[in-house]
Amino acid sequence: MKERIVVAMSGGVDSAVAAALLKKKGYEVIGLTMCFNLPDSKSKRPNCCSAQGIEDARRVAYKLDIKHYVLNMQKDLSKIVIQDFCREYLAGRTPNPCVRCNQYLKFGTLLEKAISLDARFLATGHYCRIVKAGAGYKLKKAKDLKKDQSYFLYRLNQRQLGYTIFPLGGYTKDAVRKMARKFGLTIADKLASQEICFIPGMDYRKFLKEQKNLFIKPGLVINKSGQVLGRHKGIAFYTIGQREGLGIAMGHPVYITKLDPEKNLITLGSKEEAFFREFLVKEPHFILKIYKKKFAARVKIRYNHKEAPAELMPEGDKIRIRFKKPQFAITAGQSAVFYDTSNQVLGGGIIERVLN
């Protein structure tokens, strides 16, 4: 009897090739697609889990001759991801909804569904690797470092990793597209989504404005001396390090260096003033080994940030982090992910606040 593997199929080329590779290896493959009842993106880059994405996933499943099911997870997305997304922005923080979606939906609800179908594994098209380590599992970066997505998966636990495989972890994106053409998949050249799935066009400000029961109040913009420079449209519409869209002409470049939701103030300063060295992380999560004493690691403070060496000091249920060199725009609400020198993900946490 063939071993059964469920593949999370978004309608994109990566998950399609993951399914094709597993089918070729002789597994019984079943495709599952999360349906959020989202509108199709009007941009050239499609958003996953839309009607078009579901249809593309169906066509791939038909081509590969595998079973395919669609799960309505609209309520899960709203309750677990979107509500948190709105709360965080209202509180002056900048959340990463993909981290939360992976933790609770894809490797939570969807994984449990796969297990209920007697699948040995849930496979996804993520670019990262899982390595067996004694009785546990390590999470490591992908071979294609430009496409690596381990940052979004640092909150996975040992049980989730034990039921998960990433078939693309050892391939480059170019190689995956070539395989898609070889498998005869019509989506071989489909552009990858670069949007938050529930915000087509990536205009999160418009999205927040359209939400009911969100009270977004304008306020003052000041400099570090307290001098009033102008007014802002609401803390929720801004983020640390932002330069564009401030509506304030200073005659020289200025950046957001601080958001104060309690006083409803935004502070502007030079780019140098948006660099920070030390910050506090809450809700820490470690993948294989729990660190209770000071340790060194390379820390990534957002997906497109090049991780930098830092000293990490556990303090109760939080971690104090001190970079060797100041980093630009350390932002509350974003995830700080810890790596060792072998590209292994040690863990991570949510940035709570800057300390200097």
Protein backbone atom coordinates (compact mmCIF):
# COMPACT_ATOMS: atom_id res chain seq x y z
CA MET A 1 0.00 0.00 0.00
CA LYS A 2 1.37 3.39 -1.01
CA GLU A 3 2.25 5.90 1.70
CA ARG A 4 -0.18 8.82 1.59
CA ILE A 5 0.95 12.44 1.51
CA VAL A 6 -1.31 15.49 1.48
CA VAL A 7 -0.01 18.51 -0.44
CA ALA A 8 -1.15 22.03 0.39
CA MET A 9 -1.89 23.33 -3.11
CA SER A 10 -2.26 27.09 -3.51
CA GLY A 11 -2.54 27.09 -7.28
CA GLY A 12 1.07 28.25 -7.66
CA VAL A 13 3.95 26.56 -9.41
CA ASP A 14 5.81 25.61 -6.21
CA SER A 15 3.09 23.53 -4.59
CA ALA A 16 2.24 22.04 -7.99
CA VAL A 17 5.79 20.81 -8.52
CA ALA A 18 5.91 19.53 -4.93
CA ALA A 19 2.84 17.40 -5.71
CA ALA A 20 4.30 16.22 -9.03
CA LEU A 21 7.60 15.18 -7.44
CA LEU A 22 5.87 13.17 -4.74
CA LYS A 23 3.57 11.49 -7.26
CA LYS A 24 6.62 10.57 -9.35
CA LYS A 25 8.27 9.02 -6.29
CA GLY A 26 5.32 6.67 -5.93
CA TYR A 27 3.37 8.23 -3.08
CA GLU A 28 -0.41 8.45 -2.97
CA VAL A 29 -0.86 12.21 -3.24
CA ILE A 30 -3.95 14.16 -2.23
CA GLY A 31 -4.20 17.90 -2.84
CA LEU A 32 -5.86 20.22 -0.32
CA THR A 33 -6.51 23.88 -1.05
CA MET A 34 -7.51 26.44 1.57
CA CYS A 35 -10.44 28.59 0.43
CA PHE A 36 -10.76 32.01 2.02
CA ASN A 37 -13.41 33.35 -0.40
CA LEU A 38 -11.02 36.07 -1.50
CA PRO A 39 -11.33 38.18 -4.63
CA ASP A 40 -8.83 37.63 -7.42
CA SER A 41 -5.93 40.08 -7.51
CA LYS A 42 -6.05 42.72 -10.22
CA SER A 43 -2.25 42.86 -10.34
CA LYS A 44 -0.07 40.74 -12.61
CA ARG A 45 0.97 38.71 -9.58
CA PRO A 46 -1.94 36.53 -8.40
CA ASN A 47 -2.79 36.12 -4.74
CA CYS A 48 -2.97 32.59 -3.40
CA CYS A 49 -6.22 30.98 -2.22
CA SER A 50 -8.35 33.10 -4.58
CA ALA A 51 -10.90 31.64 -6.98
CA GLN A 52 -8.26 31.60 -9.73
CA GLY A 53 -5.77 29.92 -7.41
CA ILE A 54 -8.28 27.20 -6.55
CA GLU A 55 -9.05 26.62 -10.22
CA ASP A 56 -5.34 26.39 -11.06
CA ALA A 57 -4.86 23.86 -8.26
CA ARG A 58 -7.76 21.79 -9.63
CA ARG A 59 -6.23 21.76 -13.11
CA VAL A 60 -2.87 20.62 -11.74
CA ALA A 61 -4.55 17.85 -9.73
CA TYR A 62 -6.39 16.71 -12.86
CA LYS A 63 -3.15 16.72 -14.86
CA LEU A 64 -1.37 14.69 -12.18
CA ASP A 65 -4.37 12.39 -11.71
CA ILE A 66 -4.59 12.97 -7.96
CA LYS A 67 -7.54 13.65 -5.68
CA HIS A 68 -8.14 17.30 -4.78
CA TYR A 69 -10.32 18.87 -2.12
CA VAL A 70 -11.07 22.47 -1.15
CA LEU A 71 -11.45 23.46 2.50
CA ASN A 72 -13.46 26.55 3.41
CA MET A 73 -11.30 28.31 6.00
CA GLN A 74 -12.70 31.82 5.72
CA LYS A 75 -13.73 31.96 9.40
CA ASP A 76 -10.29 30.75 10.51
CA LEU A 77 -8.58 33.43 8.46
CA SER A 78 -10.82 36.16 9.84
CA LYS A 79 -10.68 35.11 13.48
CA ILE A 80 -7.04 34.09 13.75
CA VAL A 81 -5.21 36.23 11.19
CA ILE A 82 -7.19 39.28 10.04
CA GLN A 83 -8.47 40.37 13.47
CA ASP A 84 -4.96 40.14 14.89
CA PHE A 85 -3.61 42.03 11.85
CA CYS A 86 -5.99 44.94 12.51
CA ARG A 87 -5.37 44.99 16.29
CA GLU A 88 -1.63 45.13 15.79
CA TYR A 89 -1.71 48.07 13.39
CA LEU A 90 -4.09 49.96 15.67
CA ALA A 91 -1.59 49.45 18.50
CA GLY A 92 1.23 50.96 16.45
CA ARG A 93 2.82 47.62 15.61
CA THR A 94 3.55 46.09 12.19
CA PRO A 95 2.44 42.43 12.12
CA ASN A 96 3.47 39.60 9.84
CA PRO A 97 0.25 37.73 9.02
CA CYS A 98 2.07 35.00 7.03
CA VAL A 99 3.88 33.83 10.18
CA ARG A 100 0.57 33.57 12.02
CA CYS A 101 -1.18 31.87 9.09
CA ASN A 102 1.53 29.23 8.86
CA GLN A 103 1.46 28.55 12.59
CA TYR A 104 -2.29 28.26 13.05
CA LEU A 105 -3.86 27.60 9.64
CA LYS A 106 -1.49 25.83 7.25
CA PHE A 107 0.41 23.84 9.87
CA GLY A 108 -2.47 23.88 12.31
CA THR A 109 -5.95 23.33 10.87
CA LEU A 110 -4.74 22.04 7.49
CA LEU A 111 -2.16 19.73 9.03
CA GLU A 112 -4.76 18.20 11.37
CA LYS A 113 -7.01 17.63 8.36
CA ALA A 114 -4.17 15.84 6.60
CA ILE A 115 -3.60 13.62 9.64
CA SER A 116 -7.33 12.84 9.79
CA LEU A 117 -7.02 11.59 6.20
CA ASP A 118 -4.40 9.07 7.40
CA ALA A 119 -1.61 10.94 5.66
CA ARG A 120 1.92 10.37 6.88
CA PHE A 121 2.97 13.89 5.88
CA LEU A 122 1.71 17.30 4.88
CA ALA A 123 3.87 18.69 2.06
CA THR A 124 4.05 22.32 0.98
CA GLY A 125 5.93 24.29 -1.65
CA HIS A 126 7.97 26.24 0.91
CA TYR A 127 11.66 26.73 0.22
CA CYS A 128 13.30 25.37 3.38
CA ARG A 129 14.53 22.06 4.77
CA ILE A 130 13.75 19.76 7.68
CA VAL A 131 16.64 17.67 8.98
CA LYS A 132 16.27 14.75 11.40
CA ALA A 133 18.31 15.32 14.56
CA GLY A 134 18.24 12.40 16.97
CA ALA A 135 14.72 12.21 18.35
CA GLY A 136 13.84 15.64 16.96
CA TYR A 137 13.92 17.83 13.87
CA LYS A 138 15.90 20.85 12.75
CA LEU A 139 14.55 23.57 10.47
CA LYS A 140 17.14 24.90 8.03
CA LYS A 141 17.30 27.37 5.17
CA ALA A 142 16.69 26.24 1.61
CA LYS A 143 19.40 25.61 -0.95
CA ASP A 144 18.12 28.65 -2.86
CA LEU A 145 18.90 31.34 -0.28
CA LYS A 146 17.20 34.00 -2.40
CA LYS A 147 13.91 32.11 -2.09
CA ASP A 148 14.39 30.80 1.46
CA GLN A 149 11.16 30.99 3.50
CA SER A 150 12.33 29.62 6.84
CA TYR A 151 11.69 33.06 8.38
CA PHE A 152 7.94 32.49 8.08
CA LEU A 153 8.09 29.04 9.71
CA TYR A 154 10.10 29.64 12.88
CA ARG A 155 7.06 29.06 15.12
CA LEU A 156 6.56 25.44 14.03
CA ASN A 157 6.93 22.91 16.83
CA GLN A 158 8.45 19.43 16.83
CA ARG A 159 5.10 17.69 16.22
CA GLN A 160 4.36 19.90 13.22
CA LEU A 161 7.85 19.38 11.78
CA GLY A 162 7.55 15.63 12.28
CA TYR A 163 4.46 15.56 10.05
CA THR A 164 5.84 17.96 7.42
CA ILE A 165 8.06 17.67 4.35
CA PHE A 166 9.34 20.37 2.01
CA PRO A 167 10.08 18.71 -1.37
CA LEU A 168 11.57 21.91 -2.85
CA GLY A 169 14.11 22.61 -0.13
CA GLY A 170 17.00 21.32 -2.21
CA TYR A 171 16.06 23.07 -5.47
CA THR A 172 16.41 26.54 -6.92
CA LYS A 173 13.39 28.42 -8.24
CA ASP A 174 14.71 28.14 -11.79
CA ALA A 175 14.99 24.37 -11.42
CA VAL A 176 11.43 24.19 -10.12
CA ARG A 177 10.09 26.07 -13.17
CA LYS A 178 12.02 23.74 -15.48
CA MET A 179 10.50 20.74 -13.72
CA ALA A 180 7.04 22.26 -14.05
CA ARG A 181 7.51 22.48 -17.81
CA LYS A 182 8.83 18.92 -17.91
CA PHE A 183 5.74 17.73 -16.02
CA GLY A 184 3.57 19.59 -18.55
CA LEU A 185 2.02 21.94 -16.01
CA THR A 186 0.33 24.95 -17.60
CA ILE A 187 1.23 27.16 -14.63
CA ALA A 188 4.99 26.65 -15.12
CA ASP A 189 5.51 30.36 -15.83
CA LYS A 190 2.86 31.70 -13.46
CA LEU A 191 4.24 34.60 -11.43
CA ALA A 192 4.68 33.98 -7.72
CA SER A 193 2.39 35.85 -5.35
CA GLN A 194 4.08 38.64 -3.44
CA GLU A 195 0.94 39.86 -1.72
CA ILE A 196 -0.72 39.25 1.59
CA CYS A 197 -3.52 36.97 0.38
CA PHE A 198 -6.36 38.98 1.91
CA ILE A 199 -4.97 42.34 0.71
CA PRO A 200 -4.82 42.33 -3.11
CA GLY A 201 -2.54 45.12 -4.30
CA MET A 202 -0.79 45.27 -0.91
CA ASP A 203 -2.66 48.46 0.05
CA TYR A 204 -3.11 47.62 3.72
CA ARG A 205 -4.16 51.20 4.51
CA LYS A 206 -7.15 50.91 2.20
CA PHE A 207 -7.91 47.54 3.75
CA LEU A 208 -7.91 49.03 7.27
CA LYS A 209 -10.13 51.91 6.17
CA GLU A 210 -12.69 49.43 4.83
CA GLN A 211 -12.89 47.48 8.10
CA LYS A 212 -15.87 48.15 10.34
CA ASN A 213 -15.49 49.18 14.00
CA LEU A 214 -11.90 50.37 13.62
CA PHE A 215 -11.38 53.77 15.23
CA ILE A 216 -8.36 55.38 13.56
CA LYS A 217 -7.64 58.85 14.94
CA PRO A 218 -5.40 61.52 13.36
CA GLY A 219 -2.69 63.03 15.53
CA LEU A 220 0.52 65.04 15.68
CA VAL A 221 3.89 64.46 14.07
CA ILE A 222 6.88 65.71 16.07
CA ASN A 223 10.67 65.59 16.11
CA LYS A 224 12.76 64.16 18.96
CA SER A 225 12.69 67.56 20.69
CA GLY A 226 8.90 67.59 20.73
CA GLN A 227 8.50 70.27 18.08
CA VAL A 228 5.29 69.81 16.08
CA LEU A 229 6.02 69.20 12.41
CA GLY A 230 2.54 68.39 11.15
CA ARG A 231 -0.31 65.92 11.47
CA HIS A 232 -0.70 62.24 10.64
CA LYS A 233 -3.80 60.35 9.47
CA GLY A 234 -3.68 57.68 12.16
CA ILE A 235 -0.96 55.57 13.79
CA ALA A 236 -2.26 52.45 11.99
CA PHE A 237 -1.19 53.84 8.61
CA TYR A 238 2.51 54.13 9.43
CA THR A 239 5.51 51.99 10.32
CA ILE A 240 9.03 52.46 11.69
CA GLY A 241 11.56 53.49 9.04
CA GLN A 242 8.88 54.82 6.68
CA ARG A 243 9.99 57.73 4.52
CA GLU A 244 7.35 58.03 1.80
CA GLY A 245 3.79 59.26 2.28
CA LEU A 246 4.46 61.38 5.36
CA GLY A 247 3.03 64.56 3.86
CA ILE A 248 5.67 66.69 5.55
CA ALA A 249 8.33 68.69 3.65
CA MET A 250 11.49 69.21 5.69
CA GLY A 251 13.93 70.03 2.92
CA HIS A 252 15.84 66.84 3.69
CA PRO A 253 14.92 63.14 4.04
CA VAL A 254 13.15 62.20 7.27
CA TYR A 255 12.06 58.82 8.58
CA ILE A 256 9.65 57.57 11.22
CA THR A 257 11.75 56.73 14.27
CA LYS A 258 9.01 56.17 16.85
CA LEU A 259 5.26 55.44 17.07
CA ASP A 260 3.51 56.25 20.36
CA PRO A 261 -0.04 54.84 20.22
CA GLU A 262 -0.85 55.95 23.79
CA LYS A 263 -0.19 59.61 23.01
CA ASN A 264 -1.06 59.15 19.32
CA LEU A 265 2.27 60.70 18.29
CA ILE A 266 4.65 59.96 15.44
CA THR A 267 8.29 61.03 15.76
CA LEU A 268 10.43 61.82 12.74
CA GLY A 269 14.21 61.95 12.49
CA SER A 270 17.18 61.38 10.25
CA LYS A 271 17.95 57.95 8.82
CA GLU A 272 20.70 57.55 11.41
CA GLU A 273 18.11 58.05 14.16
CA ALA A 274 16.12 55.08 12.78
CA PHE A 275 19.02 52.71 13.56
CA PHE A 276 18.82 50.79 16.83
CA ARG A 277 20.99 48.22 18.56
CA GLU A 278 18.97 46.70 21.40
CA PHE A 279 15.39 45.48 21.64
CA LEU A 280 13.08 43.13 23.53
CA VAL A 281 11.35 40.06 22.10
CA LYS A 282 8.17 38.52 23.54
CA GLU A 283 6.56 35.12 23.00
CA PRO A 284 9.88 33.39 22.24
CA HIS A 285 9.74 30.00 20.56
CA PHE A 286 12.62 27.57 20.13
CA ILE A 287 12.51 24.73 17.62
CA LEU A 288 14.84 22.07 19.01
CA LYS A 289 16.77 23.40 22.00
CA ILE A 290 15.48 25.88 24.60
CA TYR A 291 18.06 28.52 25.48
CA LYS A 292 17.90 29.75 29.09
CA LYS A 293 21.31 31.44 29.21
CA LYS A 294 22.98 34.07 27.07
CA PHE A 295 23.88 32.88 23.57
CA ALA A 296 25.01 34.26 20.23
CA ALA A 297 23.09 34.01 16.98
CA ARG A 298 22.42 35.77 13.70
CA VAL A 299 19.10 37.62 13.93
CA LYS A 300 16.73 38.55 11.10
CA ILE A 301 14.23 41.30 12.03
CA ARG A 302 12.06 41.12 8.89
CA TYR A 303 11.89 38.90 5.84
CA ASN A 304 13.98 41.11 3.53
CA HIS A 305 16.55 41.95 6.25
CA LYS A 306 19.99 40.35 6.07
CA GLU A 307 20.43 38.71 9.46
CA ALA A 308 23.13 40.23 11.63
CA PRO A 309 25.19 38.90 14.57
CA ALA A 310 23.74 39.57 17.99
CA GLU A 311 23.87 38.59 21.64
CA LEU A 312 20.64 37.13 23.03
CA MET A 313 19.85 37.24 26.74
CA PRO A 314 16.78 35.32 27.99
CA GLU A 315 14.98 37.26 30.72
CA GLY A 316 12.04 35.27 32.08
CA ASP A 317 9.47 34.90 29.31
CA LYS A 318 11.24 37.43 27.06
CA ILE A 319 14.59 37.81 25.34
CA ARG A 320 16.77 40.91 25.26
CA ILE A 321 18.68 41.15 21.98
CA ARG A 322 21.71 43.33 21.33
CA PHE A 323 23.09 43.61 17.81
CA LYS A 324 26.84 44.04 17.37
CA LYS A 325 26.03 46.89 14.99
CA PRO A 326 22.86 49.03 14.95
CA GLN A 327 20.20 47.91 12.47
CA PHE A 328 17.69 50.00 10.53
CA ALA A 329 14.02 50.11 11.56
CA ILE A 330 13.65 47.50 14.30
CA THR A 331 9.86 47.35 14.29
CA ALA A 332 7.47 46.24 17.02
CA GLY A 333 5.13 43.48 15.82
CA GLN A 334 7.58 42.01 13.34
CA SER A 335 9.26 38.67 13.99
CA ALA A 336 12.89 38.39 15.02
CA VAL A 337 14.20 35.00 13.87
CA PHE A 338 17.41 33.44 15.20
CA TYR A 339 19.86 31.48 13.00
CA ASP A 340 23.17 29.79 13.71
CA THR A 341 26.15 29.82 11.34
CA SER A 342 24.96 26.62 9.60
CA ASN A 343 21.68 28.27 8.48
CA GLN A 344 19.66 26.41 11.10
CA VAL A 345 16.65 28.20 12.58
CA LEU A 346 17.06 28.20 16.36
CA GLY A 347 13.78 29.98 17.01
CA GLY A 348 12.39 33.47 17.21
CA GLY A 349 9.86 35.78 18.77
CA ILE A 350 7.76 38.92 18.32
CA ILE A 351 9.56 42.24 18.62
CA GLU A 352 7.98 44.07 21.57
CA ARG A 353 9.95 47.31 21.75
CA VAL A 354 13.27 49.00 21.14
CA LEU A 355 15.40 49.55 24.25
CA ASN A 356 17.75 52.29 23.06
